Amino acid sequence: MCGDFNRIIIQLSQHPVVNKSFSDLTCTECEQAYVLINELISLSVEDDYTLLDYIQMARLKYYLGELSCKIYSVKEDAALHYGSALHLLEKGGLDLSLKKWIELVSLRMEE
């Protein structure tokens, strides 16, 4: 597993998705990136995630959502990836509630 994980990381780091914006990627490049990121997610399942692990997984899910929007016309797939990314952030301990948002905005208003 570790070998596959490292191989995929190297492939992804050399892929155009790292240096190009989504709008500049070809459909083939998007599909390749989607497969690589999906494989990384499959190989990254652990029970003892840290906050950083949850953030990293959320980032991967976000990219799957972006790639889904570009590759497929079915927006529900992208929405599932985006929702999963937010769920991972919450699971990692980030408070995404409106109450927290109001609290943080209120602090900025006081400055």
N, C-alpha and C. Protein backbone atom coordinates (compact mmCIF):
# COMPACT_ATOMS: atom_id res chain seq x y z
N MET A 1 0.82 -1.20 0.00
CA MET A 1 0.00 0.00 0.00
C MET A 1 0.86 1.26 0.00
N CYS A 2 1.89 1.30 0.82
CA CYS A 2 2.74 2.48 0.92
C CYS A 2 3.40 2.77 -0.43
N GLY A 3 3.81 1.71 -1.13
CA GLY A 3 4.42 1.89 -2.44
C GLY A 3 3.45 2.48 -3.44
N ASP A 4 2.21 1.99 -3.44
CA ASP A 4 1.18 2.53 -4.33
C ASP A 4 0.89 3.98 -4.01
N PHE A 5 0.80 4.29 -2.72
CA PHE A 5 0.52 5.65 -2.27
C PHE A 5 1.62 6.59 -2.77
N ASN A 6 2.87 6.20 -2.57
CA ASN A 6 4.00 7.03 -3.01
C ASN A 6 4.02 7.19 -4.52
N ARG A 7 3.74 6.12 -5.25
CA ARG A 7 3.71 6.17 -6.71
C ARG A 7 2.65 7.15 -7.19
N ILE A 8 1.48 7.10 -6.58
CA ILE A 8 0.39 7.98 -6.99
C ILE A 8 0.72 9.43 -6.66
N ILE A 9 1.33 9.66 -5.52
CA ILE A 9 1.73 11.03 -5.14
C ILE A 9 2.70 11.59 -6.19
N ILE A 10 3.66 10.77 -6.60
CA ILE A 10 4.63 11.21 -7.60
C ILE A 10 3.92 11.50 -8.93
N GLN A 11 3.01 10.61 -9.34
CA GLN A 11 2.27 10.83 -10.58
C GLN A 11 1.44 12.10 -10.51
N LEU A 12 0.80 12.32 -9.38
CA LEU A 12 -0.04 13.51 -9.23
C LEU A 12 0.82 14.78 -9.22
N SER A 13 1.97 14.72 -8.57
CA SER A 13 2.83 15.90 -8.51
C SER A 13 3.38 16.28 -9.89
N GLN A 14 3.42 15.33 -10.81
CA GLN A 14 3.90 15.60 -12.16
C GLN A 14 2.75 15.86 -13.14
N HIS A 15 1.54 15.79 -12.65
CA HIS A 15 0.36 15.95 -13.51
C HIS A 15 0.06 17.44 -13.70
N PRO A 16 -0.46 17.81 -14.87
CA PRO A 16 -0.78 19.21 -15.14
C PRO A 16 -1.78 19.84 -14.15
N VAL A 17 -2.59 19.03 -13.47
CA VAL A 17 -3.57 19.58 -12.53
C VAL A 17 -2.90 20.39 -11.41
N VAL A 18 -1.65 20.10 -11.15
CA VAL A 18 -0.93 20.80 -10.08
C VAL A 18 -0.58 22.22 -10.50
N ASN A 19 -0.29 22.43 -11.77
CA ASN A 19 0.20 23.73 -12.22
C ASN A 19 -0.77 24.53 -13.09
N LYS A 20 -1.82 23.90 -13.55
CA LYS A 20 -2.79 24.58 -14.42
C LYS A 20 -4.08 24.85 -13.67
N SER A 21 -4.81 25.86 -14.11
CA SER A 21 -6.15 26.06 -13.56
C SER A 21 -7.08 25.03 -14.20
N PHE A 22 -8.20 24.78 -13.56
CA PHE A 22 -9.15 23.79 -14.08
C PHE A 22 -9.61 24.13 -15.49
N SER A 23 -9.77 25.40 -15.77
CA SER A 23 -10.25 25.80 -17.09
C SER A 23 -9.25 25.51 -18.20
N ASP A 24 -7.98 25.39 -17.84
CA ASP A 24 -6.95 25.12 -18.84
C ASP A 24 -6.67 23.63 -19.04
N LEU A 25 -7.27 22.78 -18.24
CA LEU A 25 -7.04 21.34 -18.37
C LEU A 25 -7.91 20.75 -19.47
N THR A 26 -7.35 19.78 -20.17
CA THR A 26 -8.15 19.05 -21.16
C THR A 26 -9.04 18.06 -20.43
N CYS A 27 -10.01 17.54 -21.12
CA CYS A 27 -10.91 16.54 -20.52
C CYS A 27 -10.11 15.31 -20.10
N THR A 28 -9.16 14.89 -20.92
CA THR A 28 -8.33 13.73 -20.60
C THR A 28 -7.50 13.98 -19.34
N GLU A 29 -6.93 15.17 -19.23
CA GLU A 29 -6.13 15.51 -18.04
C GLU A 29 -7.01 15.50 -16.79
N CYS A 30 -8.23 16.00 -16.92
CA CYS A 30 -9.16 15.99 -15.79
C CYS A 30 -9.50 14.56 -15.37
N GLU A 31 -9.78 13.73 -16.35
CA GLU A 31 -10.12 12.33 -16.05
C GLU A 31 -8.95 11.61 -15.37
N GLN A 32 -7.73 11.84 -15.86
CA GLN A 32 -6.55 11.22 -15.25
C GLN A 32 -6.37 11.69 -13.81
N ALA A 33 -6.51 12.99 -13.59
CA ALA A 33 -6.37 13.54 -12.25
C ALA A 33 -7.45 12.99 -11.32
N TYR A 34 -8.66 12.87 -11.83
CA TYR A 34 -9.77 12.33 -11.04
C TYR A 34 -9.44 10.92 -10.55
N VAL A 35 -8.93 10.09 -11.45
CA VAL A 35 -8.59 8.71 -11.09
C VAL A 35 -7.48 8.69 -10.04
N LEU A 36 -6.44 9.50 -10.23
CA LEU A 36 -5.33 9.53 -9.28
C LEU A 36 -5.78 9.98 -7.89
N ILE A 37 -6.57 11.05 -7.84
CA ILE A 37 -7.04 11.57 -6.55
C ILE A 37 -7.97 10.57 -5.88
N ASN A 38 -8.83 9.94 -6.66
CA ASN A 38 -9.73 8.93 -6.10
C ASN A 38 -8.93 7.77 -5.50
N GLU A 39 -7.86 7.36 -6.18
CA GLU A 39 -7.00 6.30 -5.65
C GLU A 39 -6.33 6.73 -4.35
N LEU A 40 -5.87 7.98 -4.30
CA LEU A 40 -5.26 8.49 -3.07
C LEU A 40 -6.23 8.44 -1.90
N ILE A 41 -7.45 8.84 -2.16
CA ILE A 41 -8.47 8.81 -1.10
C ILE A 41 -8.70 7.37 -0.63
N SER A 42 -8.78 6.45 -1.57
CA SER A 42 -8.99 5.04 -1.21
C SER A 42 -7.85 4.49 -0.36
N LEU A 43 -6.64 4.92 -0.65
CA LEU A 43 -5.47 4.43 0.09
C LEU A 43 -5.23 5.18 1.40
N SER A 44 -5.98 6.26 1.63
CA SER A 44 -5.73 7.11 2.80
C SER A 44 -6.67 6.86 3.96
N VAL A 45 -7.47 5.84 3.92
CA VAL A 45 -8.45 5.58 4.97
C VAL A 45 -7.74 5.06 6.22
N GLU A 46 -7.85 5.82 7.30
CA GLU A 46 -7.27 5.44 8.59
C GLU A 46 -8.27 5.76 9.69
N ASP A 47 -8.05 5.17 10.85
CA ASP A 47 -8.94 5.41 11.97
C ASP A 47 -8.49 6.58 12.85
N ASP A 48 -7.22 6.88 12.86
CA ASP A 48 -6.71 7.90 13.79
C ASP A 48 -6.23 9.15 13.05
N TYR A 49 -7.17 9.82 12.38
CA TYR A 49 -6.85 11.04 11.66
C TYR A 49 -6.56 12.18 12.63
N THR A 50 -5.67 13.06 12.23
CA THR A 50 -5.46 14.32 12.94
C THR A 50 -6.24 15.39 12.18
N LEU A 51 -6.30 16.58 12.73
CA LEU A 51 -6.98 17.68 12.05
C LEU A 51 -6.35 17.92 10.68
N LEU A 52 -5.04 17.86 10.60
CA LEU A 52 -4.37 18.05 9.32
C LEU A 52 -4.78 16.98 8.31
N ASP A 53 -4.92 15.74 8.76
CA ASP A 53 -5.37 14.67 7.86
C ASP A 53 -6.77 14.96 7.31
N TYR A 54 -7.65 15.42 8.18
CA TYR A 54 -9.01 15.75 7.73
C TYR A 54 -8.98 16.91 6.72
N ILE A 55 -8.14 17.89 6.97
CA ILE A 55 -8.04 19.01 6.03
C ILE A 55 -7.50 18.53 4.69
N GLN A 56 -6.50 17.67 4.72
CA GLN A 56 -5.93 17.14 3.48
C GLN A 56 -6.96 16.31 2.71
N MET A 57 -7.71 15.48 3.42
CA MET A 57 -8.75 14.68 2.76
C MET A 57 -9.84 15.58 2.19
N ALA A 58 -10.20 16.62 2.92
CA ALA A 58 -11.21 17.56 2.42
C ALA A 58 -10.71 18.24 1.16
N ARG A 59 -9.43 18.57 1.11
CA ARG A 59 -8.85 19.18 -0.07
C ARG A 59 -8.97 18.23 -1.28
N LEU A 60 -8.68 16.96 -1.06
CA LEU A 60 -8.80 15.98 -2.15
C LEU A 60 -10.25 15.86 -2.62
N LYS A 61 -11.18 15.82 -1.67
CA LYS A 61 -12.60 15.72 -2.03
C LYS A 61 -13.05 16.97 -2.80
N TYR A 62 -12.54 18.14 -2.38
CA TYR A 62 -12.87 19.38 -3.08
C TYR A 62 -12.41 19.29 -4.54
N TYR A 63 -11.18 18.81 -4.74
CA TYR A 63 -10.67 18.68 -6.10
C TYR A 63 -11.49 17.69 -6.92
N LEU A 64 -11.94 16.62 -6.29
CA LEU A 64 -12.82 15.68 -7.01
C LEU A 64 -14.10 16.38 -7.44
N GLY A 65 -14.63 17.24 -6.59
CA GLY A 65 -15.82 18.01 -6.94
C GLY A 65 -15.57 18.93 -8.12
N GLU A 66 -14.44 19.63 -8.09
CA GLU A 66 -14.10 20.52 -9.19
C GLU A 66 -13.92 19.75 -10.50
N LEU A 67 -13.21 18.63 -10.42
CA LEU A 67 -12.98 17.81 -11.62
C LEU A 67 -14.30 17.23 -12.13
N SER A 68 -15.18 16.83 -11.21
CA SER A 68 -16.48 16.29 -11.60
C SER A 68 -17.28 17.32 -12.39
N CYS A 69 -17.23 18.56 -11.95
CA CYS A 69 -17.95 19.63 -12.65
C CYS A 69 -17.44 19.77 -14.08
N LYS A 70 -16.15 19.62 -14.25
CA LYS A 70 -15.57 19.80 -15.58
C LYS A 70 -15.79 18.57 -16.47
N ILE A 71 -15.72 17.38 -15.90
CA ILE A 71 -15.80 16.15 -16.69
C ILE A 71 -17.22 15.75 -17.01
N TYR A 72 -18.08 15.77 -15.98
CA TYR A 72 -19.42 15.21 -16.11
C TYR A 72 -20.47 16.31 -16.10
N SER A 73 -21.57 16.05 -16.73
CA SER A 73 -22.66 17.02 -16.71
C SER A 73 -23.57 16.81 -15.50
N VAL A 74 -23.36 15.72 -14.76
CA VAL A 74 -24.17 15.42 -13.59
C VAL A 74 -23.60 16.18 -12.39
N LYS A 75 -24.29 17.20 -11.97
CA LYS A 75 -23.80 18.05 -10.87
C LYS A 75 -23.98 17.41 -9.50
N GLU A 76 -24.83 16.40 -9.40
CA GLU A 76 -25.05 15.73 -8.11
C GLU A 76 -23.77 15.07 -7.61
N ASP A 77 -22.98 14.53 -8.54
CA ASP A 77 -21.72 13.89 -8.18
C ASP A 77 -20.77 14.91 -7.55
N ALA A 78 -20.68 16.08 -8.18
CA ALA A 78 -19.82 17.14 -7.65
C ALA A 78 -20.32 17.59 -6.28
N ALA A 79 -21.63 17.72 -6.13
CA ALA A 79 -22.20 18.14 -4.85
C ALA A 79 -21.87 17.15 -3.74
N LEU A 80 -21.88 15.86 -4.07
CA LEU A 80 -21.52 14.85 -3.07
C LEU A 80 -20.07 15.00 -2.63
N HIS A 81 -19.19 15.29 -3.57
CA HIS A 81 -17.78 15.49 -3.22
C HIS A 81 -17.60 16.74 -2.34
N TYR A 82 -18.28 17.83 -2.72
CA TYR A 82 -18.19 19.06 -1.93
C TYR A 82 -18.74 18.84 -0.52
N GLY A 83 -19.88 18.16 -0.44
CA GLY A 83 -20.48 17.88 0.87
C GLY A 83 -19.58 17.01 1.72
N SER A 84 -18.94 16.05 1.10
CA SER A 84 -18.02 15.17 1.81
C SER A 84 -16.83 15.96 2.33
N ALA A 85 -16.35 16.93 1.55
CA ALA A 85 -15.23 17.76 1.99
C ALA A 85 -15.61 18.55 3.24
N LEU A 86 -16.79 19.13 3.23
CA LEU A 86 -17.24 19.89 4.41
C LEU A 86 -17.42 18.98 5.61
N HIS A 87 -17.96 17.79 5.38
CA HIS A 87 -18.14 16.83 6.47
C HIS A 87 -16.79 16.46 7.09
N LEU A 88 -15.78 16.27 6.27
CA LEU A 88 -14.44 15.94 6.79
C LEU A 88 -13.88 17.08 7.63
N LEU A 89 -14.12 18.32 7.22
CA LEU A 89 -13.65 19.46 8.01
C LEU A 89 -14.34 19.50 9.37
N GLU A 90 -15.65 19.26 9.37
CA GLU A 90 -16.39 19.23 10.64
C GLU A 90 -15.92 18.08 11.51
N LYS A 91 -15.71 16.93 10.90
CA LYS A 91 -15.25 15.76 11.64
C LYS A 91 -13.87 16.01 12.27
N GLY A 92 -13.07 16.83 11.59
CA GLY A 92 -11.75 17.18 12.11
C GLY A 92 -11.80 18.22 13.22
N GLY A 93 -12.97 18.78 13.47
CA GLY A 93 -13.10 19.71 14.57
C GLY A 93 -13.32 21.16 14.17
N LEU A 94 -13.38 21.46 12.89
CA LEU A 94 -13.64 22.83 12.48
C LEU A 94 -15.13 23.11 12.61
N ASP A 95 -15.45 24.19 13.27
CA ASP A 95 -16.84 24.57 13.47
C ASP A 95 -17.31 25.37 12.26
N LEU A 96 -18.17 24.79 11.45
CA LEU A 96 -18.67 25.45 10.25
C LEU A 96 -20.08 26.00 10.44
N SER A 97 -20.51 26.11 11.68
CA SER A 97 -21.88 26.57 11.96
C SER A 97 -22.03 28.07 11.72
N LEU A 98 -23.27 28.49 11.49
CA LEU A 98 -23.56 29.92 11.35
C LEU A 98 -23.27 30.67 12.65
N LYS A 99 -23.50 30.01 13.77
CA LYS A 99 -23.23 30.63 15.06
C LYS A 99 -21.75 31.02 15.15
N LYS A 100 -20.87 30.13 14.71
CA LYS A 100 -19.43 30.41 14.74
C LYS A 100 -19.10 31.52 13.76
N TRP A 101 -19.74 31.52 12.60
CA TRP A 101 -19.50 32.55 11.61
C TRP A 101 -19.86 33.92 12.18
N ILE A 102 -21.03 34.02 12.82
CA ILE A 102 -21.48 35.28 13.42
C ILE A 102 -20.50 35.72 14.51
N GLU A 103 -20.05 34.77 15.31
CA GLU A 103 -19.09 35.07 16.38
C GLU A 103 -17.81 35.67 15.80
N LEU A 104 -17.30 35.09 14.73
CA LEU A 104 -16.06 35.57 14.13
C LEU A 104 -16.25 36.91 13.43
N VAL A 105 -17.39 37.10 12.78
CA VAL A 105 -17.68 38.38 12.13
C VAL A 105 -17.83 39.47 13.19
N SER A 106 -18.47 39.13 14.29
CA SER A 106 -18.65 40.10 15.37
C SER A 106 -17.30 40.58 15.92
N LEU A 107 -16.37 39.65 16.04
CA LEU A 107 -15.03 40.02 16.50
C LEU A 107 -14.35 41.00 15.55
N ARG A 108 -14.53 40.78 14.26
CA ARG A 108 -13.93 41.68 13.27
C ARG A 108 -14.61 43.05 13.29
N MET A 109 -15.91 43.07 13.57
CA MET A 109 -16.65 44.33 13.60
C MET A 109 -16.21 45.19 14.78
N GLU A 110 -15.76 44.56 15.85
CA GLU A 110 -15.34 45.28 17.04
C GLU A 110 -14.00 45.98 16.83
N GLU A 111 -13.23 45.53 15.84
CA GLU A 111 -11.90 46.12 15.61
C GLU A 111 -11.96 47.49 15.02
